[in-house]
Protein backbone atom coordinates (compact mmCIF):
# COMPACT_ATOMS: atom_id res chain seq x y z
CA MET A 1 -0.09 -0.04 -0.13
CA ALA A 2 1.53 3.68 -1.16
CA ILE A 3 2.12 5.54 2.03
CA GLY A 4 0.02 8.27 3.07
CA ARG A 5 -2.66 6.85 0.36
CA SER A 6 -6.46 7.06 1.86
CA PRO A 7 -7.52 3.00 2.33
CA GLN A 8 -10.41 1.86 0.21
CA SER A 9 -13.30 1.71 2.73
CA SER A 10 -15.40 -1.46 2.16
CA SER A 11 -18.71 0.51 1.97
CA GLN A 12 -17.49 2.77 -0.97
CA THR A 13 -18.85 1.39 -4.33
CA PRO A 14 -16.00 -0.58 -6.31
CA ASP A 15 -14.57 0.08 -9.66
CA GLN A 16 -17.07 -2.12 -11.77
CA GLY A 17 -15.06 -2.02 -14.66
CA ALA A 18 -11.25 -3.15 -13.05
CA ALA A 19 -11.65 -6.97 -13.94
CA ARG A 20 -12.36 -5.66 -17.45
CA ARG A 21 -9.92 -3.54 -18.08
CA PRO A 22 -5.99 -4.60 -19.17
CA SER A 23 -4.48 -6.07 -15.16
CA ARG A 24 -1.36 -6.54 -13.71
CA ALA A 25 -2.91 -10.04 -12.76
CA ARG A 26 -1.82 -11.29 -16.31
CA GLY A 27 1.91 -10.83 -14.23
CA ILE A 28 1.24 -12.49 -11.07
CA PRO A 29 2.21 -16.32 -10.61
CA GLU A 30 -0.47 -18.67 -10.61
CA ALA A 31 0.75 -19.64 -6.87
CA THR A 32 -0.11 -16.29 -5.98
CA VAL A 33 -3.46 -16.53 -7.40
CA ALA A 34 -4.25 -19.42 -5.98
CA ARG A 35 -3.14 -17.76 -2.30
CA LEU A 36 -5.14 -14.60 -2.50
CA PRO A 37 -8.81 -16.34 -1.77
CA LEU A 38 -6.71 -17.71 1.36
CA TYR A 39 -5.67 -13.94 2.43
CA LEU A 40 -9.31 -12.69 1.21
CA ARG A 41 -10.64 -14.97 3.91
CA ALA A 42 -8.27 -14.14 6.86
CA LEU A 43 -8.59 -10.28 5.84
CA THR A 44 -12.36 -10.59 5.59
CA ALA A 45 -12.76 -12.21 9.35
CA LEU A 46 -10.31 -9.34 10.93
CA SER A 47 -12.51 -6.86 9.15
CA GLU A 48 -15.76 -8.56 10.41
CA ARG A 49 -13.84 -8.02 13.81
CA SER A 50 -13.01 -4.22 13.14
CA VAL A 51 -9.50 -4.85 13.35
CA PRO A 52 -7.99 -1.92 11.38
CA THR A 53 -4.74 -2.93 10.50
CA VAL A 54 -2.42 -6.24 10.51
CA SER A 55 0.90 -7.07 10.75
CA SER A 56 2.46 -9.48 7.88
CA GLU A 57 3.49 -11.93 10.54
CA GLU A 58 -0.14 -12.10 12.03
CA LEU A 59 -1.90 -12.19 8.69
CA ALA A 60 0.55 -14.74 7.39
CA ALA A 61 -0.22 -16.91 10.40
CA ALA A 62 -3.62 -16.50 9.76
CA ALA A 63 -3.50 -17.55 6.04
CA GLY A 64 -1.47 -20.57 6.55
CA VAL A 65 1.85 -19.13 5.03
CA ASN A 66 5.13 -17.57 5.87
CA SER A 67 5.34 -13.96 6.11
CA ALA A 68 7.88 -13.53 3.46
CA LYS A 69 5.66 -15.51 1.04
CA LEU A 70 3.00 -13.03 1.96
CA ARG A 71 5.12 -9.91 1.31
CA LYS A 72 6.29 -11.26 -1.92
CA ASP A 73 2.34 -12.13 -3.27
CA PHE A 74 1.68 -8.73 -1.99
CA SER A 75 4.31 -7.15 -3.91
CA TYR A 76 2.57 -8.29 -6.97
CA LEU A 77 -0.28 -6.27 -6.30
CA GLY A 78 1.62 -3.15 -5.33
CA SER A 79 0.89 -3.34 -1.70
CA TYR A 80 3.81 -3.13 0.77
CA GLY A 81 1.99 -2.06 3.57
CA THR A 82 3.75 0.71 5.91
CA ARG A 83 6.75 0.11 8.60
CA GLY A 84 5.63 -0.09 12.10
CA VAL A 85 1.71 -0.14 11.17
CA GLY A 86 1.32 -3.10 8.67
CA TYR A 87 -1.26 -3.44 6.15
CA ASP A 88 -4.62 -1.55 5.98
CA VAL A 89 -6.99 -4.45 6.26
CA GLU A 90 -9.92 -2.55 4.74
CA TYR A 91 -7.98 -1.54 1.72
CA LEU A 92 -6.39 -4.94 1.46
CA VAL A 93 -10.16 -6.41 1.26
CA TYR A 94 -10.97 -4.23 -1.34
CA GLN A 95 -7.62 -4.52 -3.42
CA ILE A 96 -7.41 -8.25 -3.65
CA SER A 97 -11.21 -8.71 -4.29
CA ARG A 98 -10.77 -6.23 -7.10
CA GLU A 99 -7.80 -8.54 -8.73
CA LEU A 100 -9.77 -11.76 -8.51
CA GLY A 101 -12.89 -10.01 -10.11
CA LEU A 102 -14.84 -10.24 -7.29
CA THR A 103 -15.76 -6.52 -7.61
CA GLN A 104 -18.81 -7.32 -9.93
CA ASP A 105 -21.43 -9.86 -10.33
CA TRP A 106 -20.88 -13.39 -11.78
CA PRO A 107 -23.52 -15.58 -12.62
CA VAL A 108 -23.19 -19.22 -12.07
CA VAL A 109 -24.95 -22.19 -13.54
CA ILE A 110 -24.64 -25.36 -11.48
CA VAL A 111 -25.39 -28.89 -13.79
CA GLY A 112 -26.38 -31.75 -11.73
CA ILE A 113 -28.52 -31.29 -8.37
CA GLY A 114 -28.28 -34.40 -6.57
CA ASN A 115 -27.11 -33.78 -2.40
CA LEU A 116 -24.11 -32.23 -3.38
CA GLY A 117 -25.85 -29.82 -6.05
CA HIS A 118 -28.56 -28.79 -3.30
CA ALA A 119 -25.45 -28.49 -0.80
CA LEU A 120 -24.06 -25.84 -3.32
CA ALA A 121 -27.42 -24.07 -3.83
CA ASN A 122 -27.95 -23.62 -0.57
CA TYR A 123 -24.24 -22.33 0.32
CA GLY A 124 -24.36 -18.88 1.44
CA GLY A 125 -21.06 -17.98 1.08
CA PHE A 126 -21.81 -17.55 -2.90
CA ALA A 127 -23.64 -14.28 -2.33
CA SER A 128 -21.16 -12.50 -0.14
CA ARG A 129 -18.13 -13.44 -2.49
CA GLY A 130 -19.27 -11.80 -5.66
CA PHE A 131 -20.77 -15.32 -7.03
CA ARG A 132 -24.63 -15.36 -7.88
CA VAL A 133 -26.80 -18.72 -8.79
CA ALA A 134 -28.50 -17.61 -12.00
CA ALA A 135 -29.84 -21.28 -12.38
CA LEU A 136 -29.89 -25.17 -11.61
CA LEU A 137 -29.74 -27.57 -14.20
CA ASP A 138 -30.80 -31.19 -14.50
CA ALA A 139 -31.68 -33.71 -16.81
CA ASP A 140 -33.91 -35.96 -14.39
CA PRO A 141 -37.40 -35.46 -15.14
CA ASN A 142 -37.73 -36.53 -11.80
CA VAL A 143 -35.88 -33.54 -10.28
CA VAL A 144 -36.70 -30.98 -13.04
CA GLY A 145 -39.48 -28.52 -11.49
CA SER A 146 -38.54 -29.50 -7.84
CA THR A 147 -36.82 -26.41 -5.88
CA ALA A 148 -33.67 -25.78 -4.34
CA ALA A 149 -32.60 -22.94 -2.32
CA GLY A 150 -35.53 -21.18 -4.00
CA LEU A 151 -34.66 -21.75 -7.33
CA PRO A 152 -36.55 -24.10 -9.75
CA VAL A 153 -34.57 -26.94 -11.24
CA ARG A 154 -34.80 -26.25 -14.66
CA HIS A 155 -33.82 -28.81 -17.94
CA MET A 156 -30.95 -29.06 -19.58
CA ASP A 157 -32.35 -27.94 -22.55
CA GLU A 158 -32.78 -24.86 -21.57
CA LEU A 159 -28.69 -24.48 -20.84
CA GLU A 160 -28.37 -22.30 -24.55
CA ALA A 161 -30.54 -19.83 -23.49
CA ILE A 162 -30.06 -19.40 -19.88
CA VAL A 163 -26.00 -18.56 -20.70
CA GLU A 164 -27.17 -15.94 -23.30
CA SER A 165 -29.54 -14.46 -21.09
CA GLN A 166 -27.58 -14.40 -17.81
CA HIS A 167 -24.07 -13.75 -19.47
CA VAL A 168 -22.87 -16.88 -17.64
CA SER A 169 -19.40 -17.80 -17.85
CA ILE A 170 -19.06 -19.96 -14.84
CA GLY A 171 -20.59 -23.40 -14.78
CA VAL A 172 -20.35 -25.78 -11.96
CA ILE A 173 -20.75 -29.43 -12.45
CA THR A 174 -21.76 -32.20 -9.74
CA THR A 175 -23.09 -35.04 -12.30
CA PRO A 176 -22.00 -38.57 -12.12
CA PRO A 177 -18.44 -38.92 -13.71
CA GLY A 178 -20.57 -40.54 -16.75
CA ALA A 179 -22.37 -37.48 -17.49
CA ALA A 180 -19.61 -34.89 -16.70
CA GLN A 181 -17.91 -34.65 -19.89
CA GLN A 182 -20.95 -34.58 -22.31
CA VAL A 183 -22.44 -31.67 -19.46
CA CYS A 184 -18.97 -30.06 -19.81
CA ASP A 185 -19.06 -30.04 -23.58
CA ARG A 186 -22.45 -28.68 -23.43
CA LEU A 187 -21.45 -25.70 -21.31
CA VAL A 188 -18.51 -24.77 -23.60
CA GLU A 189 -20.53 -24.91 -26.59
CA ALA A 190 -22.74 -22.44 -24.99
CA GLY A 191 -19.97 -20.18 -24.43
CA VAL A 192 -19.14 -20.80 -21.05
CA THR A 193 -15.24 -20.66 -19.95
CA SER A 194 -14.59 -21.64 -16.83
CA ILE A 195 -15.98 -24.84 -14.75
CA LEU A 196 -15.51 -25.68 -11.50
CA ASN A 197 -15.61 -29.97 -11.90
CA PHE A 198 -16.94 -31.98 -8.75
CA ALA A 199 -17.13 -35.41 -10.61
CA PRO A 200 -14.53 -37.59 -10.40
CA THR A 201 -13.24 -37.72 -13.99
CA VAL A 202 -11.01 -36.04 -15.85
CA LEU A 203 -12.31 -33.31 -18.22
CA THR A 204 -11.02 -32.58 -21.65
CA VAL A 205 -11.44 -28.71 -22.39
CA PRO A 206 -10.39 -26.72 -25.52
CA ASP A 207 -7.74 -23.88 -25.24
CA GLY A 208 -9.21 -20.87 -23.25
CA VAL A 209 -11.32 -23.04 -21.00
CA ASP A 210 -10.37 -23.13 -17.44
CA VAL A 211 -11.46 -26.09 -14.97
CA ARG A 212 -10.89 -26.44 -11.30
CA LYS A 213 -11.16 -30.01 -9.88
CA VAL A 214 -12.38 -30.79 -6.82
CA ASP A 215 -12.38 -34.29 -5.46
CA LEU A 216 -12.66 -35.02 -2.10
CA SER A 217 -12.04 -39.20 -2.45
CA ILE A 218 -8.55 -37.83 -3.41
CA GLU A 219 -8.18 -35.39 -0.48
CA LEU A 220 -9.52 -38.09 1.51
CA GLN A 221 -6.97 -40.53 0.25
CA ILE A 222 -3.99 -38.20 0.75
CA LEU A 223 -5.24 -37.90 4.16
CA ALA A 224 -5.21 -41.95 4.78
CA PHE A 225 -1.59 -41.87 3.32
CA HIS A 226 -0.29 -39.09 6.07
CA GLU A 227 -1.95 -41.35 8.43
CA GLN A 228 -0.80 -44.67 7.69
CA ARG A 229 2.77 -42.97 7.45
CA LYS A 230 2.42 -41.25 11.12
CA ALA A 231 1.09 -44.77 12.37
CA GLY A 232 4.58 -46.48 11.07
CA GLU A 233 6.98 -44.04 12.31
CA GLU A 234 5.39 -44.33 15.29
CA THR A 235 6.20 -48.15 15.35
CA ASP A 236 9.55 -47.36 14.08
CA ARG A 237 10.14 -44.96 17.13
CA THR A 238 8.72 -47.78 19.29
CA GLU A 239 10.64 -50.40 17.73
CA SER A 240 13.84 -48.34 17.48
CA VAL A 241 13.62 -47.72 21.49
CA LEU A 242 13.41 -51.64 21.97
CA ASP A 243 16.52 -51.93 19.58
CA ARG A 244 19.29 -50.11 22.21
CA ALA A 245 17.72 -51.24 25.21
CA PRO A 246 19.68 -54.16 26.85
CA GLY A 247 19.50 -57.22 26.23
CA PRO A 248 17.17 -58.23 29.51
CA VAL A 249 14.81 -55.78 28.29
CA ARG A 250 14.54 -57.12 24.86
CA ALA A 251 14.13 -60.51 26.08
CA ALA A 252 11.36 -59.36 28.28
CA ALA A 253 9.64 -57.20 25.98
CA ALA A 254 9.69 -60.54 23.22
CA LYS A 255 7.78 -62.73 25.90
CA LEU A 256 5.14 -60.58 26.33
CA ARG A 257 4.99 -60.34 22.37
CA ARG A 258 4.74 -63.88 22.12
CA ALA A 259 2.19 -63.92 25.15
CA ALA A 260 -0.10 -61.74 23.33
CA GLY A 261 0.09 -63.76 19.92
CA GLY A 262 3.04 -62.02 18.77
CA SER A 263 5.95 -63.61 16.34
CA GLY A 264 8.77 -63.39 19.21
CA LYS A 265 10.88 -62.63 16.48
CA GLY A 266 12.53 -59.25 17.40
CA ARG A 267 13.31 -56.31 14.75
CA GLY A 268 17.03 -57.10 14.56
CA GLY A 269 15.69 -60.85 13.67
CA ALA A 270 16.19 -62.82 16.84
CA GLU A 271 14.83 -66.05 16.84
CA PRO A 272 12.55 -66.82 19.96
CA GLU A 273 15.57 -69.54 21.33
CA ALA A 274 17.87 -66.48 20.90
CA ASN A 275 15.31 -64.45 23.39
CA ASP A 276 14.82 -67.66 25.40
CA GLN A 277 18.46 -67.67 26.07
CA ALA A 278 18.86 -64.05 26.75
CA GLU A 279 15.72 -64.31 29.29
CA GLN A 280 17.71 -67.30 31.30
CA SER A 281 20.61 -64.94 31.67
CA ALA A 282 18.91 -62.38 32.74
CA LYS A 283 16.99 -64.64 35.58
CA GLY A 284 20.73 -66.07 36.26
CA LYS A 285 21.80 -62.56 36.89
CA SER A 286 18.54 -61.36 38.63
CA ALA A 287 19.23 -64.37 41.51
CA LYS A 288 22.64 -62.88 41.88
CA GLY A 289 21.42 -59.46 42.51
CA GLY A 290 23.75 -58.32 39.63
CA GLU A 291 23.25 -55.67 36.73
CA GLY A 292 20.62 -55.99 34.30
CA GLU A 293 18.08 -56.68 37.05
CA LEU A 294 14.54 -56.90 35.44
CA SER A 295 12.67 -56.06 38.37
CA ALA A 296 14.75 -52.64 38.28
CA VAL A 297 13.63 -52.16 34.92
CA MET A 298 9.93 -53.87 34.44
CA PRO A 299 7.76 -54.00 37.09
CA ALA A 300 6.23 -57.56 38.37
């Protein structure tokens, strides 16, 4: 933010033509563009709490990035903050909204009004972020004519007329995977140039059409991978502690594993017989009161 410049109040009328003019956004890296909504969400929360300014460290923590990356991202917007003061929250909300094209109304069509389509239609966050659900479409005669979020579900045959009359450029696909490509083709032919795809399939589109994919099953599978890895690391840590333990302790642990139905074979490959010998040795030392007495390390 240029020093001395008056912050843009969120109550002021935004520049409606900003998103239509040649923009600096063409020079903003895609990775930065992907983070701008994160900054906007954090800033909006601060604005709702009437916080006037925020430091780069505080905002970065709220957005889940490091402060150096945040400052670099904001430099593409021409916003540098004020030393000792930070960033003006209201002005940044307006500035990022303008760069993202959210200072104008974006009509959206949702195709496929099943459970997910109903949920998206009822999502209240669209309107507050510059998006308006212009129409709900489906090909199922049992669904057409019903309502969702106060809107009637119209037949797919009306798609072209709706896109033209409502100036729709964004389509959301929530159909089963087998129908997604056909729906995508019809959206593109009707003039839609941006598609948000919730169907678990890869769409093929011509140049000039942007597709963003949201696959919840893939995200869950990635989380499952990390959970499995964390569980494996925990097991490795436990076994590593036993590897470094004295022989009597390893023998006792092997005995407990066998009693619990385990293999009785240690991580280092020791066979049950070897463990039994170590156990007998430990008992002998215990009887003599020597080093390695099991009562000192293992409860009876």
